[in-house]
Amino acid sequence: MTQTIPKPENLAQLVFLVRGEKVLLDADLAMLYGVETGALNRAVKRNIERFPADFMLQLTLEEWEDLKCQIGISSSSGAAAKVKKAGAIRLQVVTASAHGGRRAIPYAFTEQGVAMLSSVLRSQRAVEVNIAIMRTFVQLRRLMDSNRDLARRIEAMETRYDEQFSQVFDAIKQLIAEDKTRKAKPPIGFL
C-alpha cells in the first residue's frame, strides 16, 4: 500500500514556533516518514554528529506542556489523534499513561535538521517527504516576507495619513474651542 505524500499546505499545521525557530516534532516526522518515533530518534542518536544544536533541540518540560496545550493534547488521555482528511495527514502525539505512550520529552527539528534527516533515513519515502517539508518551509518563509512587506506599507500609510488627519483634528479642535468661547445668543422670537 502506497502512502500519499502530504501537500505543503497540509504540513504547515505541523510546524510550531519554539525558541524563535520553526520546528517539527519527532513524532510528527516519524508519522510522515512511516517509522516509529523511537526508530527515528535512535537513527538520529546513531548519527548525532550530524545534528548540532541549531538542527535539533529537545524541548524543556515547560515548552512541552505549553505545546500540548496549543495542540490540544489531554494529559490524562492515553493518546490524542487529530485527523485531517485533505492530504491524509494524521497527527499522533501520545502522552505517558498506564498503557504506554510517550515517556520522554520530544525532540524538535529545525529546517536544517529535517534536511539532515533525509541522509539518516535512507528511504524513497523519506526523500519525498523531505521535499514536501522543504516546500512547506519555503512557503512559510514567503508568507512571512509578504506579511512584513504589507506591515511596512501599512505603517508608511499610517504615518502619511496621521499627518494629514492631525491637521483635520486640529481644525476640529479649533472649531470646538471657538464654539465654547462664544456667548449665548439671545433667543429669537417673542418673549
Protein backbone atom coordinates (compact mmCIF):
# COMPACT_ATOMS: atom_id res chain seq x y z
CA MET A 1 0.00 0.00 0.00
CA THR A 2 1.50 3.32 -1.07
CA GLN A 3 1.06 6.27 1.26
CA THR A 4 0.40 9.61 -0.34
CA ILE A 5 2.92 12.38 0.20
CA PRO A 6 1.32 15.25 2.13
CA LYS A 7 0.96 18.63 0.48
CA PRO A 8 2.90 21.63 1.87
CA GLU A 9 -0.29 23.45 2.86
CA ASN A 10 -1.29 20.44 5.00
CA LEU A 11 2.17 20.16 6.55
CA ALA A 12 2.09 23.79 7.71
CA GLN A 13 -0.18 22.80 10.62
CA LEU A 14 2.62 20.60 11.97
CA VAL A 15 5.15 23.46 12.14
CA PHE A 16 5.48 25.11 15.54
CA LEU A 17 7.47 28.07 16.75
CA VAL A 18 9.84 27.11 19.57
CA ARG A 19 12.62 29.41 20.81
CA GLY A 20 12.13 31.60 17.77
CA GLU A 21 12.63 28.69 15.35
CA LYS A 22 10.10 26.95 13.14
CA VAL A 23 10.29 23.27 14.07
CA LEU A 24 8.65 19.91 13.50
CA LEU A 25 8.30 17.42 16.36
CA ASP A 26 9.88 13.98 16.22
CA ALA A 27 6.53 12.17 16.48
CA ASP A 28 5.10 14.13 13.55
CA LEU A 29 8.19 13.48 11.44
CA ALA A 30 8.13 9.78 12.31
CA MET A 31 4.47 9.58 11.27
CA LEU A 32 5.24 11.36 7.98
CA TYR A 33 8.22 9.09 7.26
CA GLY A 34 6.23 5.99 8.17
CA VAL A 35 8.51 4.90 11.02
CA GLU A 36 8.12 4.69 14.78
CA THR A 37 9.19 7.72 16.82
CA GLY A 38 11.68 5.57 18.73
CA ALA A 39 13.23 4.32 15.49
CA LEU A 40 13.61 7.88 14.21
CA ASN A 41 15.22 9.03 17.46
CA ARG A 42 17.57 6.01 17.52
CA ALA A 43 18.68 6.78 13.95
CA VAL A 44 19.35 10.38 14.97
CA LYS A 45 21.32 9.31 18.06
CA ARG A 46 23.44 6.94 15.96
CA ASN A 47 24.35 9.97 13.81
CA ILE A 48 24.27 12.66 16.49
CA GLU A 49 27.30 14.46 15.00
CA ARG A 50 25.06 15.43 12.06
CA PHE A 51 22.60 17.22 14.36
CA PRO A 52 24.16 20.24 16.08
CA ALA A 53 22.09 22.41 18.42
CA ASP A 54 20.74 24.57 15.58
CA PHE A 55 19.42 21.48 13.74
CA MET A 56 17.71 19.70 16.64
CA LEU A 57 16.72 20.58 20.18
CA GLN A 58 14.97 18.81 22.99
CA LEU A 59 12.02 20.71 24.37
CA THR A 60 12.03 21.70 28.01
CA LEU A 61 9.24 20.35 30.19
CA GLU A 62 7.63 23.81 30.22
CA GLU A 63 7.82 24.12 26.40
CA TRP A 64 6.31 20.66 26.02
CA GLU A 65 3.44 21.48 28.41
CA ASP A 66 2.77 24.74 26.54
CA LEU A 67 2.85 22.94 23.21
CA LYS A 68 0.48 20.24 24.46
CA CYS A 69 -1.98 22.98 25.38
CA GLN A 70 -1.63 24.57 21.92
CA ILE A 71 -2.28 21.35 20.03
CA GLY A 72 -4.97 20.10 22.38
CA ILE A 73 -3.42 17.04 23.98
CA SER A 74 -5.08 15.97 27.18
CA SER A 75 -2.55 14.92 29.79
CA SER A 76 -4.97 12.32 31.12
CA SER A 77 -5.62 10.58 27.82
CA GLY A 78 -3.53 7.72 26.54
CA ALA A 79 -3.39 9.16 23.04
CA ALA A 80 -4.74 12.13 21.19
CA ALA A 81 -5.25 11.97 17.48
CA LYS A 82 -6.23 14.70 15.10
CA VAL A 83 -7.16 13.62 11.62
CA LYS A 84 -7.19 15.91 8.63
CA LYS A 85 -8.87 14.28 5.67
CA ALA A 86 -7.31 16.52 2.99
CA GLY A 87 -3.88 15.14 2.25
CA ALA A 88 -4.37 12.15 4.60
CA ILE A 89 -2.41 13.73 7.42
CA ARG A 90 -2.69 12.18 10.85
CA LEU A 91 -1.03 13.84 13.78
CA GLN A 92 -0.43 11.41 16.57
CA VAL A 93 1.22 12.66 19.70
CA VAL A 94 0.89 10.38 22.65
CA THR A 95 1.47 11.17 26.27
CA ALA A 96 2.58 8.82 29.03
CA SER A 97 -0.17 6.74 30.53
CA ALA A 98 -0.63 3.36 32.14
CA HIS A 99 -0.94 1.80 28.67
CA GLY A 100 2.26 3.17 27.21
CA GLY A 101 2.86 6.24 25.13
CA ARG A 102 5.45 8.98 25.14
CA ARG A 103 7.80 8.79 28.11
CA ALA A 104 10.40 11.33 27.05
CA ILE A 105 10.12 14.98 26.17
CA PRO A 106 10.13 15.26 22.37
CA TYR A 107 12.85 16.47 20.09
CA ALA A 108 12.15 19.29 17.67
CA PHE A 109 13.89 19.58 14.32
CA THR A 110 14.58 22.85 12.53
CA GLU A 111 14.52 23.14 8.75
CA GLN A 112 18.19 22.16 8.57
CA GLY A 113 17.58 19.23 10.90
CA VAL A 114 14.75 17.96 8.73
CA ALA A 115 17.02 18.20 5.69
CA MET A 116 19.68 16.22 7.54
CA LEU A 117 17.13 13.52 8.39
CA SER A 118 16.99 12.54 4.73
CA SER A 119 20.62 11.44 4.93
CA VAL A 120 19.93 9.44 8.10
CA LEU A 121 16.69 7.84 6.90
CA ARG A 122 17.58 6.44 3.52
CA SER A 123 14.23 5.52 2.03
CA GLN A 124 12.37 6.80 -1.00
CA ARG A 125 9.53 7.91 1.28
CA ALA A 126 11.97 9.95 3.41
CA VAL A 127 13.23 11.73 0.30
CA GLU A 128 9.69 12.50 -0.93
CA VAL A 129 8.52 13.69 2.48
CA ASN A 130 11.62 15.85 2.88
CA ILE A 131 10.89 17.55 -0.43
CA ALA A 132 7.34 18.31 0.74
CA ILE A 133 8.61 19.62 4.09
CA MET A 134 11.22 21.85 2.42
CA ARG A 135 8.48 23.27 0.18
CA THR A 136 6.41 23.96 3.28
CA PHE A 137 9.24 25.88 4.93
CA VAL A 138 9.76 27.90 1.74
CA GLN A 139 6.05 28.75 1.57
CA LEU A 140 6.04 29.80 5.22
CA ARG A 141 9.09 31.99 4.64
CA ARG A 142 7.44 33.65 1.62
CA LEU A 143 4.27 34.22 3.60
CA MET A 144 6.20 35.84 6.45
CA ASP A 145 8.11 38.04 3.98
CA SER A 146 4.90 39.19 2.30
CA ASN A 147 3.39 39.94 5.72
CA ARG A 148 6.45 42.01 6.64
CA ASP A 149 6.15 43.94 3.38
CA LEU A 150 2.44 44.53 3.99
CA ALA A 151 3.14 45.71 7.55
CA ARG A 152 5.74 48.18 6.24
CA ARG A 153 3.29 49.54 3.68
CA ILE A 154 0.55 49.96 6.28
CA GLU A 155 2.95 51.72 8.63
CA ALA A 156 4.01 54.12 5.85
CA MET A 157 0.36 54.87 5.08
CA GLU A 158 -0.40 55.44 8.76
CA THR A 159 2.40 57.97 9.15
CA ARG A 160 1.40 59.77 5.96
CA TYR A 161 -2.31 59.87 6.85
CA ASP A 162 -1.65 60.61 10.52
CA GLU A 163 -0.02 63.89 9.45
CA GLN A 164 -2.99 64.75 7.23
CA PHE A 165 -5.54 63.72 9.82
CA SER A 166 -3.73 65.62 12.55
CA GLN A 167 -4.42 68.80 10.57
CA VAL A 168 -8.10 67.87 10.35
CA PHE A 169 -8.24 67.10 14.06
CA ASP A 170 -6.53 70.43 14.86
CA ALA A 171 -9.16 72.27 12.79
CA ILE A 172 -11.97 70.41 14.58
CA LYS A 173 -10.46 71.26 17.97
CA GLN A 174 -10.29 74.94 16.98
CA LEU A 175 -13.95 74.91 15.95
CA ILE A 176 -14.92 73.30 19.24
CA ALA A 177 -12.84 75.82 21.20
CA GLU A 178 -14.40 78.75 19.29
CA ASP A 179 -17.88 77.39 19.95
CA LYS A 180 -17.22 77.24 23.69
CA THR A 181 -15.91 80.84 23.80
CA ARG A 182 -18.95 82.31 22.02
CA LYS A 183 -21.52 83.91 24.23
CA ALA A 184 -25.00 82.60 24.23
CA LYS A 185 -27.17 84.35 21.65
CA PRO A 186 -30.38 85.96 22.76
CA PRO A 187 -33.39 83.87 21.90
CA ILE A 188 -35.25 84.76 18.75
CA GLY A 189 -38.93 85.44 18.82
CA PHE A 190 -41.44 86.78 21.36
CA LEU A 191 -40.55 86.71 25.00
